[in-house]
């Protein structure tokens, strides 16, 4: 467990992530993190965009359905 201190940044509140957390999340300055609300009311901080994952599943479905067409177009 890592305890984070809440600080004021202008008119907003924020937290500073320790270096070991930044390394574990595989992010960097100006990177993006997503705070996802879990079903039990908890939150999860992740570098992975759940919306992007959903779009990729749909793209894979389309590519699978039109595999022959895409193969012909690639020639």
N, C-alpha and C. Protein backbone atom coordinates (compact mmCIF):
# COMPACT_ATOMS: atom_id res chain seq x y z
N UNK A 1 0.85 -1.18 0.00
CA UNK A 1 0.00 0.00 0.00
C UNK A 1 0.89 1.23 0.00
N UNK A 2 0.48 2.22 -0.79
CA UNK A 2 1.21 3.48 -0.88
C UNK A 2 0.25 4.58 -0.45
N UNK A 3 0.65 5.37 0.52
CA UNK A 3 -0.18 6.49 0.98
C UNK A 3 0.17 7.72 0.16
N UNK A 4 -0.87 8.39 -0.37
CA UNK A 4 -0.67 9.58 -1.19
C UNK A 4 -1.22 10.78 -0.43
N UNK A 5 -0.52 11.89 -0.50
CA UNK A 5 -0.95 13.12 0.14
C UNK A 5 -1.66 13.99 -0.88
N UNK A 6 -2.81 14.50 -0.52
CA UNK A 6 -3.58 15.38 -1.41
C UNK A 6 -3.04 16.80 -1.27
N UNK A 7 -2.77 17.43 -2.42
CA UNK A 7 -2.23 18.78 -2.43
C UNK A 7 -3.08 19.67 -3.33
N UNK A 8 -3.00 20.95 -3.07
CA UNK A 8 -3.73 21.92 -3.88
C UNK A 8 -2.83 22.39 -5.02
N UNK A 9 -3.38 22.34 -6.25
CA UNK A 9 -2.69 22.83 -7.45
C UNK A 9 -3.61 23.85 -8.10
N UNK A 10 -3.37 25.13 -7.86
CA UNK A 10 -4.27 26.17 -8.38
C UNK A 10 -5.63 26.01 -7.72
N UNK A 11 -6.68 25.86 -8.52
CA UNK A 11 -8.03 25.68 -8.00
C UNK A 11 -8.41 24.20 -7.89
N UNK A 12 -7.47 23.31 -8.13
CA UNK A 12 -7.74 21.87 -8.12
C UNK A 12 -6.98 21.18 -7.01
N UNK A 13 -7.35 19.93 -6.77
CA UNK A 13 -6.61 19.09 -5.85
C UNK A 13 -5.95 17.98 -6.65
N UNK A 14 -4.81 17.52 -6.18
CA UNK A 14 -4.11 16.45 -6.89
C UNK A 14 -3.24 15.67 -5.94
N UNK A 15 -2.66 14.62 -6.46
CA UNK A 15 -1.72 13.80 -5.69
C UNK A 15 -0.43 13.68 -6.50
N UNK A 16 0.67 13.51 -5.80
CA UNK A 16 1.96 13.28 -6.43
C UNK A 16 2.25 11.80 -6.30
N UNK A 17 2.54 11.15 -7.41
CA UNK A 17 2.83 9.72 -7.40
C UNK A 17 4.33 9.50 -7.17
N UNK A 18 4.67 8.63 -6.22
CA UNK A 18 6.09 8.32 -6.01
C UNK A 18 6.70 7.63 -7.23
N UNK A 19 8.01 7.72 -7.35
CA UNK A 19 8.72 7.17 -8.51
C UNK A 19 8.42 5.69 -8.71
N UNK A 20 8.35 4.91 -7.64
CA UNK A 20 8.10 3.47 -7.79
C UNK A 20 6.70 3.19 -8.34
N UNK A 21 5.73 4.03 -8.03
CA UNK A 21 4.38 3.88 -8.58
C UNK A 21 4.39 4.24 -10.07
N UNK A 22 5.07 5.30 -10.41
CA UNK A 22 5.17 5.72 -11.81
C UNK A 22 5.83 4.62 -12.64
N UNK A 23 6.89 4.03 -12.12
CA UNK A 23 7.56 2.94 -12.84
C UNK A 23 6.64 1.73 -12.99
N UNK A 24 5.93 1.40 -11.95
CA UNK A 24 5.04 0.23 -12.02
C UNK A 24 3.89 0.45 -13.00
N UNK A 25 3.39 1.68 -13.08
CA UNK A 25 2.31 2.01 -14.02
C UNK A 25 2.84 2.21 -15.44
N UNK A 26 4.15 2.18 -15.59
CA UNK A 26 4.81 2.37 -16.89
C UNK A 26 4.32 3.64 -17.59
N UNK A 27 4.37 4.74 -16.86
CA UNK A 27 3.96 6.03 -17.41
C UNK A 27 5.09 7.03 -17.22
N UNK A 28 4.89 8.22 -17.73
CA UNK A 28 5.91 9.26 -17.64
C UNK A 28 5.22 10.62 -17.63
N UNK A 29 6.01 11.66 -17.54
CA UNK A 29 5.46 13.02 -17.55
C UNK A 29 4.63 13.23 -18.82
N UNK A 30 3.49 13.85 -18.68
CA UNK A 30 2.53 14.10 -19.75
C UNK A 30 1.85 12.82 -20.25
N UNK A 31 2.09 11.70 -19.57
CA UNK A 31 1.39 10.46 -19.90
C UNK A 31 -0.05 10.54 -19.41
N UNK A 32 -0.81 9.52 -19.72
CA UNK A 32 -2.21 9.50 -19.31
C UNK A 32 -2.46 8.30 -18.41
N UNK A 33 -3.24 8.54 -17.36
CA UNK A 33 -3.70 7.48 -16.47
C UNK A 33 -5.22 7.57 -16.41
N UNK A 34 -5.85 6.45 -16.14
CA UNK A 34 -7.31 6.39 -16.08
C UNK A 34 -7.73 5.90 -14.71
N UNK A 35 -8.64 6.63 -14.08
CA UNK A 35 -9.20 6.26 -12.79
C UNK A 35 -10.54 5.62 -13.06
N UNK A 36 -10.63 4.31 -12.81
CA UNK A 36 -11.82 3.54 -13.15
C UNK A 36 -12.55 3.17 -11.86
N UNK A 37 -13.85 3.42 -11.84
CA UNK A 37 -14.64 3.04 -10.68
C UNK A 37 -15.01 1.57 -10.79
N UNK A 38 -14.67 0.81 -9.77
CA UNK A 38 -14.98 -0.62 -9.74
C UNK A 38 -16.42 -0.82 -9.26
N UNK A 39 -16.94 -2.01 -9.45
CA UNK A 39 -18.31 -2.31 -9.08
C UNK A 39 -18.59 -2.20 -7.60
N UNK A 40 -17.58 -2.40 -6.77
CA UNK A 40 -17.78 -2.35 -5.32
C UNK A 40 -17.54 -0.97 -4.72
N UNK A 41 -17.42 0.05 -5.58
CA UNK A 41 -17.24 1.42 -5.10
C UNK A 41 -15.78 1.84 -4.97
N UNK A 42 -14.86 0.90 -5.15
CA UNK A 42 -13.43 1.22 -5.12
C UNK A 42 -13.02 1.83 -6.45
N UNK A 43 -11.80 2.34 -6.50
CA UNK A 43 -11.25 2.91 -7.72
C UNK A 43 -9.97 2.19 -8.10
N UNK A 44 -9.69 2.17 -9.39
CA UNK A 44 -8.48 1.55 -9.91
C UNK A 44 -7.77 2.55 -10.81
N UNK A 45 -6.48 2.74 -10.61
CA UNK A 45 -5.66 3.64 -11.42
C UNK A 45 -4.87 2.79 -12.40
N UNK A 46 -5.04 3.06 -13.70
CA UNK A 46 -4.40 2.23 -14.72
C UNK A 46 -3.96 3.07 -15.91
N UNK A 47 -2.89 2.66 -16.59
CA UNK A 47 -2.48 3.37 -17.81
C UNK A 47 -3.26 2.91 -19.03
N UNK A 48 -4.09 1.90 -18.89
CA UNK A 48 -4.81 1.33 -20.03
C UNK A 48 -6.20 1.93 -20.16
N UNK A 49 -6.50 2.43 -21.35
CA UNK A 49 -7.79 3.05 -21.64
C UNK A 49 -8.82 1.95 -21.91
N UNK A 50 -9.82 1.80 -21.05
CA UNK A 50 -10.82 0.75 -21.28
C UNK A 50 -11.63 0.99 -22.55
N UNK A 51 -11.81 2.22 -22.95
CA UNK A 51 -12.52 2.53 -24.19
C UNK A 51 -11.73 2.06 -25.41
N UNK A 52 -10.42 2.20 -25.36
CA UNK A 52 -9.56 1.74 -26.46
C UNK A 52 -9.63 0.22 -26.58
N UNK A 53 -9.63 -0.46 -25.46
CA UNK A 53 -9.73 -1.93 -25.46
C UNK A 53 -11.02 -2.39 -26.12
N UNK A 54 -12.10 -1.71 -25.83
CA UNK A 54 -13.40 -2.05 -26.42
C UNK A 54 -13.36 -1.84 -27.94
N UNK A 55 -12.76 -0.74 -28.37
CA UNK A 55 -12.66 -0.45 -29.81
C UNK A 55 -11.79 -1.49 -30.52
N UNK A 56 -10.72 -1.94 -29.86
CA UNK A 56 -9.85 -2.93 -30.47
C UNK A 56 -10.57 -4.28 -30.61
N UNK A 57 -11.38 -4.65 -29.63
CA UNK A 57 -12.15 -5.89 -29.75
C UNK A 57 -13.09 -5.82 -30.94
N UNK A 58 -13.73 -4.67 -31.15
CA UNK A 58 -14.63 -4.48 -32.28
C UNK A 58 -13.85 -4.55 -33.60
N UNK A 59 -12.67 -3.92 -33.64
CA UNK A 59 -11.85 -3.95 -34.85
C UNK A 59 -11.41 -5.38 -35.18
N UNK A 60 -11.04 -6.15 -34.17
CA UNK A 60 -10.64 -7.54 -34.40
C UNK A 60 -11.81 -8.36 -34.93
N UNK A 61 -13.01 -8.08 -34.42
CA UNK A 61 -14.21 -8.77 -34.90
C UNK A 61 -14.45 -8.47 -36.38
N UNK A 62 -14.30 -7.21 -36.76
CA UNK A 62 -14.51 -6.79 -38.15
C UNK A 62 -13.43 -7.41 -39.05
N UNK A 63 -12.18 -7.37 -38.60
CA UNK A 63 -11.10 -7.95 -39.40
C UNK A 63 -11.29 -9.45 -39.59
N UNK A 64 -11.78 -10.10 -38.56
CA UNK A 64 -12.04 -11.54 -38.67
C UNK A 64 -13.16 -11.82 -39.67
N UNK A 65 -14.22 -11.03 -39.61
CA UNK A 65 -15.37 -11.21 -40.49
C UNK A 65 -15.00 -10.97 -41.95
N UNK A 66 -14.16 -9.97 -42.20
CA UNK A 66 -13.80 -9.59 -43.57
C UNK A 66 -12.36 -9.97 -43.89
N UNK A 67 -11.90 -11.06 -43.33
CA UNK A 67 -10.51 -11.49 -43.51
C UNK A 67 -10.14 -11.65 -44.97
N UNK A 68 -10.95 -12.35 -45.74
CA UNK A 68 -10.64 -12.58 -47.17
C UNK A 68 -10.63 -11.28 -47.96
N UNK A 69 -11.57 -10.40 -47.68
CA UNK A 69 -11.63 -9.11 -48.38
C UNK A 69 -10.40 -8.27 -48.07
N UNK A 70 -10.03 -8.22 -46.80
CA UNK A 70 -8.85 -7.44 -46.41
C UNK A 70 -7.58 -8.03 -47.02
N UNK A 71 -7.51 -9.36 -47.08
CA UNK A 71 -6.35 -10.00 -47.69
C UNK A 71 -6.25 -9.65 -49.19
N UNK A 72 -7.39 -9.65 -49.89
CA UNK A 72 -7.40 -9.29 -51.31
C UNK A 72 -7.01 -7.84 -51.51
N UNK A 73 -7.47 -6.96 -50.64
CA UNK A 73 -7.15 -5.53 -50.76
C UNK A 73 -5.68 -5.25 -50.46
N UNK A 74 -5.05 -6.10 -49.70
CA UNK A 74 -3.64 -5.85 -49.32
C UNK A 74 -2.67 -6.18 -50.45
N UNK A 75 -3.14 -6.81 -51.51
CA UNK A 75 -2.24 -7.19 -52.62
C UNK A 75 -1.96 -6.03 -53.52
